[in-house]
Amino acid sequence: MKIDDVTIVGTGAVGMALGKNLVRNGVRVQLAARDLGKARAAATALGERARGAETKALGAGVGALLLAVPANAAASVLDEARDLAAGTIVVDCTNPIAWSAGPVHAAPAEGSMAAHLAARFPRLRVVKAFNTFGAEFHEQPALGATVADAYFAGDDAEAKKSFGELARTMGFEPVDVGPLRNAANLEALAVLWIHLASVGGRGRSNAFKLLAR
């Protein structure tokens, strides 16, 4: 299934960066937030390919939904969007992080936020992705002559295939890292990225790349 219309929940730095990337690459975007006025204003900033919506109004028309909100808000977003159709692809871009002299993985009991969402909302198809780099790469994957990898994990083969195609359309190199249990590893990788960017002093102009000889 080709994804050509994407709903993004979240109008912060990551949500807007994803929206700019998608619109630039010809994908229609719906920006959703609890505040309809805020969602519409953010959509206006993206141009004519974007529109705004209230989170609680999301329903069967959503083909793929990107969660670009704080990790502790992810489940409540899906609670609000209770009319999403069974089988909707939900891409969890969040990272459950605590801070103790640096970033620490603060996963729920299931081992990752993605696994938690999949257990709580079994009618949805959860894919973990877009969580291992900063907003700058969400908007523009290219860095010099190469592009950032978009690592993704999930248990639904069709959902992962659709996500991989979308990521490539957005300019990323999609890398399937296996089943949803590996989402915990992606969240841990995000902790490493945050550490390097902050405590490690390397800044945000870095992304991970799988090299092959």
C-alpha atoms as a PDB file:
ATOM      1  CA  MET A   1       0.000   0.000   0.000  1.00  0.00           C
ATOM      2  CA  LYS A   2       1.495   3.299  -1.080  1.00  0.00           C
ATOM      3  CA  ILE A   3       1.160   6.066   1.495  1.00  0.00           C
ATOM      4  CA  ASP A   4       0.421   9.386  -0.187  1.00  0.00           C
ATOM      5  CA  ASP A   5      -1.509  11.106   2.622  1.00  0.00           C
ATOM      6  CA  VAL A   6       0.044  11.273   6.085  1.00  0.00           C
ATOM      7  CA  THR A   7      -1.350  12.531   9.379  1.00  0.00           C
ATOM      8  CA  ILE A   8       1.159  13.954  11.844  1.00  0.00           C
ATOM      9  CA  VAL A   9       0.123  14.414  15.456  1.00  0.00           C
ATOM     10  CA  GLY A  10       2.315  17.121  16.914  1.00  0.00           C
ATOM     11  CA  THR A  11       3.152  20.640  15.760  1.00  0.00           C
ATOM     12  CA  GLY A  12       6.519  20.968  17.502  1.00  0.00           C
ATOM     13  CA  ALA A  13       9.954  20.855  15.929  1.00  0.00           C
ATOM     14  CA  VAL A  14       9.774  17.198  14.845  1.00  0.00           C
ATOM     15  CA  GLY A  15       6.188  17.344  13.600  1.00  0.00           C
ATOM     16  CA  MET A  16       6.816  20.459  11.532  1.00  0.00           C
ATOM     17  CA  ALA A  17      10.101  19.106  10.170  1.00  0.00           C
ATOM     18  CA  LEU A  18       8.386  15.901   9.048  1.00  0.00           C
ATOM     19  CA  GLY A  19       5.593  17.965   7.513  1.00  0.00           C
ATOM     20  CA  LYS A  20       8.020  20.126   5.543  1.00  0.00           C
ATOM     21  CA  ASN A  21       9.798  17.046   4.226  1.00  0.00           C
ATOM     22  CA  LEU A  22       6.581  15.314   3.196  1.00  0.00           C
ATOM     23  CA  VAL A  23       5.104  18.374   1.485  1.00  0.00           C
ATOM     24  CA  ARG A  24       8.372  19.015  -0.354  1.00  0.00           C
ATOM     25  CA  ASN A  25       8.229  15.473  -1.693  1.00  0.00           C
ATOM     26  CA  GLY A  26       4.645  15.657  -2.917  1.00  0.00           C
ATOM     27  CA  VAL A  27       2.856  13.936  -0.022  1.00  0.00           C
ATOM     28  CA  ARG A  28      -0.364  15.406   1.359  1.00  0.00           C
ATOM     29  CA  VAL A  29      -0.189  16.162   5.076  1.00  0.00           C
ATOM     30  CA  GLN A  30      -2.755  16.511   7.825  1.00  0.00           C
ATOM     31  CA  LEU A  31      -1.413  18.127  10.986  1.00  0.00           C
ATOM     32  CA  ALA A  32      -3.384  17.203  14.091  1.00  0.00           C
ATOM     33  CA  ALA A  33      -3.440  18.690  17.579  1.00  0.00           C
ATOM     34  CA  ARG A  34      -5.900  19.029  20.450  1.00  0.00           C
ATOM     35  CA  ASP A  35      -6.184  22.723  19.597  1.00  0.00           C
ATOM     36  CA  LEU A  36      -7.732  22.994  16.123  1.00  0.00           C
ATOM     37  CA  GLY A  37      -6.573  26.600  15.723  1.00  0.00           C
ATOM     38  CA  LYS A  38      -2.987  25.580  16.414  1.00  0.00           C
ATOM     39  CA  ALA A  39      -3.228  22.698  13.947  1.00  0.00           C
ATOM     40  CA  ARG A  40      -4.645  24.932  11.231  1.00  0.00           C
ATOM     41  CA  ALA A  41      -1.996  27.595  11.787  1.00  0.00           C
ATOM     42  CA  ALA A  42       0.752  24.987  11.521  1.00  0.00           C
ATOM     43  CA  ALA A  43      -0.820  23.584   8.358  1.00  0.00           C
ATOM     44  CA  THR A  44      -1.014  27.043   6.817  1.00  0.00           C
ATOM     45  CA  ALA A  45       2.711  27.441   7.424  1.00  0.00           C
ATOM     46  CA  LEU A  46       3.316  24.282   5.369  1.00  0.00           C
ATOM     47  CA  GLY A  47       1.322  25.434   2.372  1.00  0.00           C
ATOM     48  CA  GLU A  48      -1.548  24.185   0.266  1.00  0.00           C
ATOM     49  CA  ARG A  49      -0.700  20.489   0.544  1.00  0.00           C
ATOM     50  CA  ALA A  50      -1.341  20.602   4.297  1.00  0.00           C
ATOM     51  CA  ARG A  51      -4.498  20.857   6.373  1.00  0.00           C
ATOM     52  CA  GLY A  52      -5.279  20.946  10.080  1.00  0.00           C
ATOM     53  CA  ALA A  53      -7.472  18.732  12.255  1.00  0.00           C
ATOM     54  CA  GLU A  54      -8.349  18.051  15.858  1.00  0.00           C
ATOM     55  CA  THR A  55      -6.880  14.875  17.276  1.00  0.00           C
ATOM     56  CA  LYS A  56     -10.273  13.670  18.493  1.00  0.00           C
ATOM     57  CA  ALA A  57     -11.701  14.079  14.982  1.00  0.00           C
ATOM     58  CA  LEU A  58      -9.242  11.664  13.352  1.00  0.00           C
ATOM     59  CA  GLY A  59     -11.022   8.680  11.862  1.00  0.00           C
ATOM     60  CA  ALA A  60     -11.190   6.111   9.118  1.00  0.00           C
ATOM     61  CA  GLY A  61      -9.643   8.414   6.505  1.00  0.00           C
ATOM     62  CA  VAL A  62      -6.203   8.222   8.111  1.00  0.00           C
ATOM     63  CA  GLY A  63      -3.923   5.803   6.279  1.00  0.00           C
ATOM     64  CA  ALA A  64      -0.753   6.441   8.256  1.00  0.00           C
ATOM     65  CA  LEU A  65      -0.257   8.429  11.420  1.00  0.00           C
ATOM     66  CA  LEU A  66       3.097   9.719  12.683  1.00  0.00           C
ATOM     67  CA  LEU A  67       3.288  10.297  16.450  1.00  0.00           C
ATOM     68  CA  ALA A  68       5.552  13.329  16.886  1.00  0.00           C
ATOM     69  CA  VAL A  69       4.671  14.084  20.496  1.00  0.00           C
ATOM     70  CA  PRO A  70       6.419  13.549  23.846  1.00  0.00           C
ATOM     71  CA  ALA A  71       6.517   9.857  24.729  1.00  0.00           C
ATOM     72  CA  ASN A  72       4.323  10.344  27.779  1.00  0.00           C
ATOM     73  CA  ALA A  73       1.576  11.763  25.543  1.00  0.00           C
ATOM     74  CA  ALA A  74       1.605   9.037  22.880  1.00  0.00           C
ATOM     75  CA  ALA A  75      -0.991   6.734  24.439  1.00  0.00           C
ATOM     76  CA  SER A  76      -3.371   9.582  25.267  1.00  0.00           C
ATOM     77  CA  VAL A  77      -3.205  10.730  21.622  1.00  0.00           C
ATOM     78  CA  LEU A  78      -4.381   7.317  20.446  1.00  0.00           C
ATOM     79  CA  ASP A  79      -7.045   7.281  23.152  1.00  0.00           C
ATOM     80  CA  GLU A  80      -8.365  10.559  21.760  1.00  0.00           C
ATOM     81  CA  ALA A  81      -8.198   9.315  18.174  1.00  0.00           C
ATOM     82  CA  ARG A  82     -10.454   6.384  19.038  1.00  0.00           C
ATOM     83  CA  ASP A  83     -12.161   6.429  15.626  1.00  0.00           C
ATOM     84  CA  LEU A  84      -9.016   5.410  13.740  1.00  0.00           C
ATOM     85  CA  ALA A  85      -9.822   2.407  11.576  1.00  0.00           C
ATOM     86  CA  ALA A  86      -8.493  -1.011  12.473  1.00  0.00           C
ATOM     87  CA  GLY A  87      -5.249  -1.589  10.589  1.00  0.00           C
ATOM     88  CA  THR A  88      -4.177   2.060  10.558  1.00  0.00           C
ATOM     89  CA  ILE A  89      -0.379   2.328  10.408  1.00  0.00           C
ATOM     90  CA  VAL A  90       0.942   4.219  13.433  1.00  0.00           C
ATOM     91  CA  VAL A  91       4.595   5.270  13.293  1.00  0.00           C
ATOM     92  CA  ASP A  92       5.921   5.832  16.802  1.00  0.00           C
ATOM     93  CA  CYS A  93       8.598   8.536  16.582  1.00  0.00           C
ATOM     94  CA  THR A  94       8.819   8.999  20.357  1.00  0.00           C
ATOM     95  CA  ASN A  95      11.542   8.246  22.887  1.00  0.00           C
ATOM     96  CA  PRO A  96      10.796   7.615  26.583  1.00  0.00           C
ATOM     97  CA  ILE A  97      13.746   9.440  28.137  1.00  0.00           C
ATOM     98  CA  ALA A  98      14.659  10.468  31.666  1.00  0.00           C
ATOM     99  CA  TRP A  99      17.637  12.621  32.575  1.00  0.00           C
ATOM    100  CA  SER A 100      20.283  11.716  35.157  1.00  0.00           C
ATOM    101  CA  ALA A 101      23.581  13.440  34.376  1.00  0.00           C
ATOM    102  CA  GLY A 102      22.646  12.542  30.800  1.00  0.00           C
ATOM    103  CA  PRO A 103      19.833  10.798  28.923  1.00  0.00           C
ATOM    104  CA  VAL A 104      18.527   7.474  30.227  1.00  0.00           C
ATOM    105  CA  HIS A 105      16.110   5.059  28.542  1.00  0.00           C
ATOM    106  CA  ALA A 106      12.929   5.140  30.641  1.00  0.00           C
ATOM    107  CA  ALA A 107      10.911   2.464  28.843  1.00  0.00           C
ATOM    108  CA  PRO A 108       7.522   1.195  30.019  1.00  0.00           C
ATOM    109  CA  ALA A 109       7.126  -2.382  31.216  1.00  0.00           C
ATOM    110  CA  GLU A 110       6.816  -3.720  27.647  1.00  0.00           C
ATOM    111  CA  GLY A 111      10.398  -2.649  26.923  1.00  0.00           C
ATOM    112  CA  SER A 112       9.707   0.215  24.525  1.00  0.00           C
ATOM    113  CA  MET A 113       7.053   2.826  23.920  1.00  0.00           C
ATOM    114  CA  ALA A 114       6.227   1.178  20.595  1.00  0.00           C
ATOM    115  CA  ALA A 115       5.626  -2.198  22.286  1.00  0.00           C
ATOM    116  CA  HIS A 116       3.477  -0.475  24.896  1.00  0.00           C
ATOM    117  CA  LEU A 117       1.332   1.163  22.213  1.00  0.00           C
ATOM    118  CA  ALA A 118       1.012  -2.078  20.255  1.00  0.00           C
ATOM    119  CA  ALA A 119      -0.189  -3.912  23.368  1.00  0.00           C
ATOM    120  CA  ARG A 120      -2.617  -1.175  24.335  1.00  0.00           C
ATOM    121  CA  PHE A 121      -4.017  -0.634  20.834  1.00  0.00           C
ATOM    122  CA  PRO A 122      -3.874  -4.070  19.157  1.00  0.00           C
ATOM    123  CA  ARG A 123      -6.162  -3.003  16.275  1.00  0.00           C
ATOM    124  CA  LEU A 124      -3.474  -0.574  15.036  1.00  0.00           C
ATOM    125  CA  ARG A 125      -0.295  -1.527  13.156  1.00  0.00           C
ATOM    126  CA  VAL A 126       2.602   0.027  15.063  1.00  0.00           C
ATOM    127  CA  VAL A 127       5.977   0.697  13.456  1.00  0.00           C
ATOM    128  CA  LYS A 128       8.886   2.233  15.375  1.00  0.00           C
ATOM    129  CA  ALA A 129      10.822   4.765  13.303  1.00  0.00           C
ATOM    130  CA  PHE A 130      12.083   8.345  12.908  1.00  0.00           C
ATOM    131  CA  ASN A 131      13.385   8.424  16.487  1.00  0.00           C
ATOM    132  CA  THR A 132      17.174   8.148  16.129  1.00  0.00           C
ATOM    133  CA  PHE A 133      18.078  11.670  14.944  1.00  0.00           C
ATOM    134  CA  GLY A 134      17.039  15.270  15.464  1.00  0.00           C
ATOM    135  CA  ALA A 135      14.449  17.415  13.732  1.00  0.00           C
ATOM    136  CA  GLU A 136      17.061  18.782  11.344  1.00  0.00           C
ATOM    137  CA  PHE A 137      17.305  15.354   9.714  1.00  0.00           C
ATOM    138  CA  HIS A 138      13.547  14.801   9.797  1.00  0.00           C
ATOM    139  CA  GLU A 139      13.315  17.819   7.511  1.00  0.00           C
ATOM    140  CA  GLN A 140      16.410  17.216   5.409  1.00  0.00           C
ATOM    141  CA  PRO A 141      17.934  13.700   5.422  1.00  0.00           C
ATOM    142  CA  ALA A 142      20.886  14.600   3.202  1.00  0.00           C
ATOM    143  CA  LEU A 143      24.281  15.373   4.691  1.00  0.00           C
ATOM    144  CA  GLY A 144      26.972  15.938   2.117  1.00  0.00           C
ATOM    145  CA  ALA A 145      26.964  13.126  -0.423  1.00  0.00           C
ATOM    146  CA  THR A 146      24.968  10.692   1.716  1.00  0.00           C
ATOM    147  CA  VAL A 147      21.627  10.514   3.534  1.00  0.00           C
ATOM    148  CA  ALA A 148      20.551   9.492   7.014  1.00  0.00           C
ATOM    149  CA  ASP A 149      19.334   5.969   7.649  1.00  0.00           C
ATOM    150  CA  ALA A 150      15.720   5.562   8.766  1.00  0.00           C
ATOM    151  CA  TYR A 151      15.767   2.484  10.977  1.00  0.00           C
ATOM    152  CA  PHE A 152      12.386   0.885  11.568  1.00  0.00           C
ATOM    153  CA  ALA A 153      10.964  -2.081  13.471  1.00  0.00           C
ATOM    154  CA  GLY A 154       7.564  -3.752  13.453  1.00  0.00           C
ATOM    155  CA  ASP A 155       5.664  -7.021  13.323  1.00  0.00           C
ATOM    156  CA  ASP A 156       3.414  -6.271  10.335  1.00  0.00           C
ATOM    157  CA  ALA A 157       5.218  -6.934   7.039  1.00  0.00           C
ATOM    158  CA  GLU A 158       2.833  -4.887   4.895  1.00  0.00           C
ATOM    159  CA  ALA A 159       2.991  -1.890   7.235  1.00  0.00           C
ATOM    160  CA  LYS A 160       6.785  -2.023   7.222  1.00  0.00           C
ATOM    161  CA  LYS A 161       6.908  -2.249   3.432  1.00  0.00           C
ATOM    162  CA  SER A 162       4.652   0.806   3.158  1.00  0.00           C
ATOM    163  CA  PHE A 163       6.743   2.716   5.669  1.00  0.00           C
ATOM    164  CA  GLY A 164       9.972   1.840   3.875  1.00  0.00           C
ATOM    165  CA  GLU A 165       8.593   3.200   0.619  1.00  0.00           C
ATOM    166  CA  LEU A 166       7.471   6.394   2.362  1.00  0.00           C
ATOM    167  CA  ALA A 167      10.869   6.865   4.007  1.00  0.00           C
ATOM    168  CA  ARG A 168      12.602   6.501   0.653  1.00  0.00           C
ATOM    169  CA  THR A 169      10.197   9.039  -0.887  1.00  0.00           C
ATOM    170  CA  MET A 170      11.218  11.414   1.917  1.00  0.00           C
ATOM    171  CA  GLY A 171      14.892  11.015   1.024  1.00  0.00           C
ATOM    172  CA  PHE A 172      16.003   8.544   3.706  1.00  0.00           C
ATOM    173  CA  GLU A 173      17.714   5.202   3.336  1.00  0.00           C
ATOM    174  CA  PRO A 174      15.186   2.842   4.997  1.00  0.00           C
ATOM    175  CA  VAL A 175      16.708   0.030   7.074  1.00  0.00           C
ATOM    176  CA  ASP A 176      14.442  -2.728   8.415  1.00  0.00           C
ATOM    177  CA  VAL A 177      15.862  -3.788  11.789  1.00  0.00           C
ATOM    178  CA  GLY A 178      13.378  -6.574  12.451  1.00  0.00           C
ATOM    179  CA  PRO A 179      10.390  -7.235  14.712  1.00  0.00           C
ATOM    180  CA  LEU A 180       8.787  -4.786  17.089  1.00  0.00           C
ATOM    181  CA  ARG A 181      10.775  -6.128  20.039  1.00  0.00           C
ATOM    182  CA  ASN A 182      13.777  -4.412  18.441  1.00  0.00           C
ATOM    183  CA  ALA A 183      12.087  -1.058  18.999  1.00  0.00           C
ATOM    184  CA  ALA A 184      13.787  -1.143  22.395  1.00  0.00           C
ATOM    185  CA  ASN A 185      17.135  -1.125  20.609  1.00  0.00           C
ATOM    186  CA  LEU A 186      16.095   1.859  18.494  1.00  0.00           C
ATOM    187  CA  GLU A 187      15.067   3.772  21.608  1.00  0.00           C
ATOM    188  CA  ALA A 188      18.424   2.884  23.180  1.00  0.00           C
ATOM    189  CA  LEU A 189      20.132   4.118  20.007  1.00  0.00           C
ATOM    190  CA  ALA A 190      18.245   7.383  20.413  1.00  0.00           C
ATOM    191  CA  VAL A 191      19.623   7.683  23.944  1.00  0.00           C
ATOM    192  CA  LEU A 192      23.112   7.317  22.478  1.00  0.00           C
ATOM    193  CA  TRP A 193      22.372   9.983  19.848  1.00  0.00           C
ATOM    194  CA  ILE A 194      21.050  12.391  22.489  1.00  0.00           C
ATOM    195  CA  HIS A 195      24.085  11.730  24.685  1.00  0.00           C
ATOM    196  CA  LEU A 196      26.499  12.398  21.830  1.00  0.00           C
ATOM    197  CA  ALA A 197      24.603  15.527  20.778  1.00  0.00           C
ATOM    198  CA  SER A 198      24.446  16.976  24.299  1.00  0.00           C
ATOM    199  CA  VAL A 199      26.774  15.584  26.947  1.00  0.00           C
ATOM    200  CA  GLY A 200      29.211  14.374  24.308  1.00  0.00           C
ATOM    201  CA  GLY A 201      29.393  17.830  22.762  1.00  0.00           C
ATOM    202  CA  ARG A 202      28.983  16.710  19.153  1.00  0.00           C
ATOM    203  CA  GLY A 203      25.885  18.784  18.455  1.00  0.00           C
ATOM    204  CA  ARG A 204      22.869  17.889  16.354  1.00  0.00           C
ATOM    205  CA  SER A 205      24.450  17.689  12.890  1.00  0.00           C
ATOM    206  CA  ASN A 206      25.011  13.944  13.189  1.00  0.00           C
ATOM    207  CA  ALA A 207      23.045  10.847  12.224  1.00  0.00           C
ATOM    208  CA  PHE A 208      23.799   7.125  12.253  1.00  0.00           C
ATOM    209  CA  LYS A 209      24.715   5.327   9.033  1.00  0.00           C
ATOM    210  CA  LEU A 210      24.997   1.608   8.294  1.00  0.00           C
ATOM    211  CA  LEU A 211      28.022   1.143   6.016  1.00  0.00           C
ATOM    212  CA  ALA A 212      28.471  -1.772   3.648  1.00  0.00           C
ATOM    213  CA  ARG A 213      31.589  -2.822   1.796  1.00  0.00           C
END
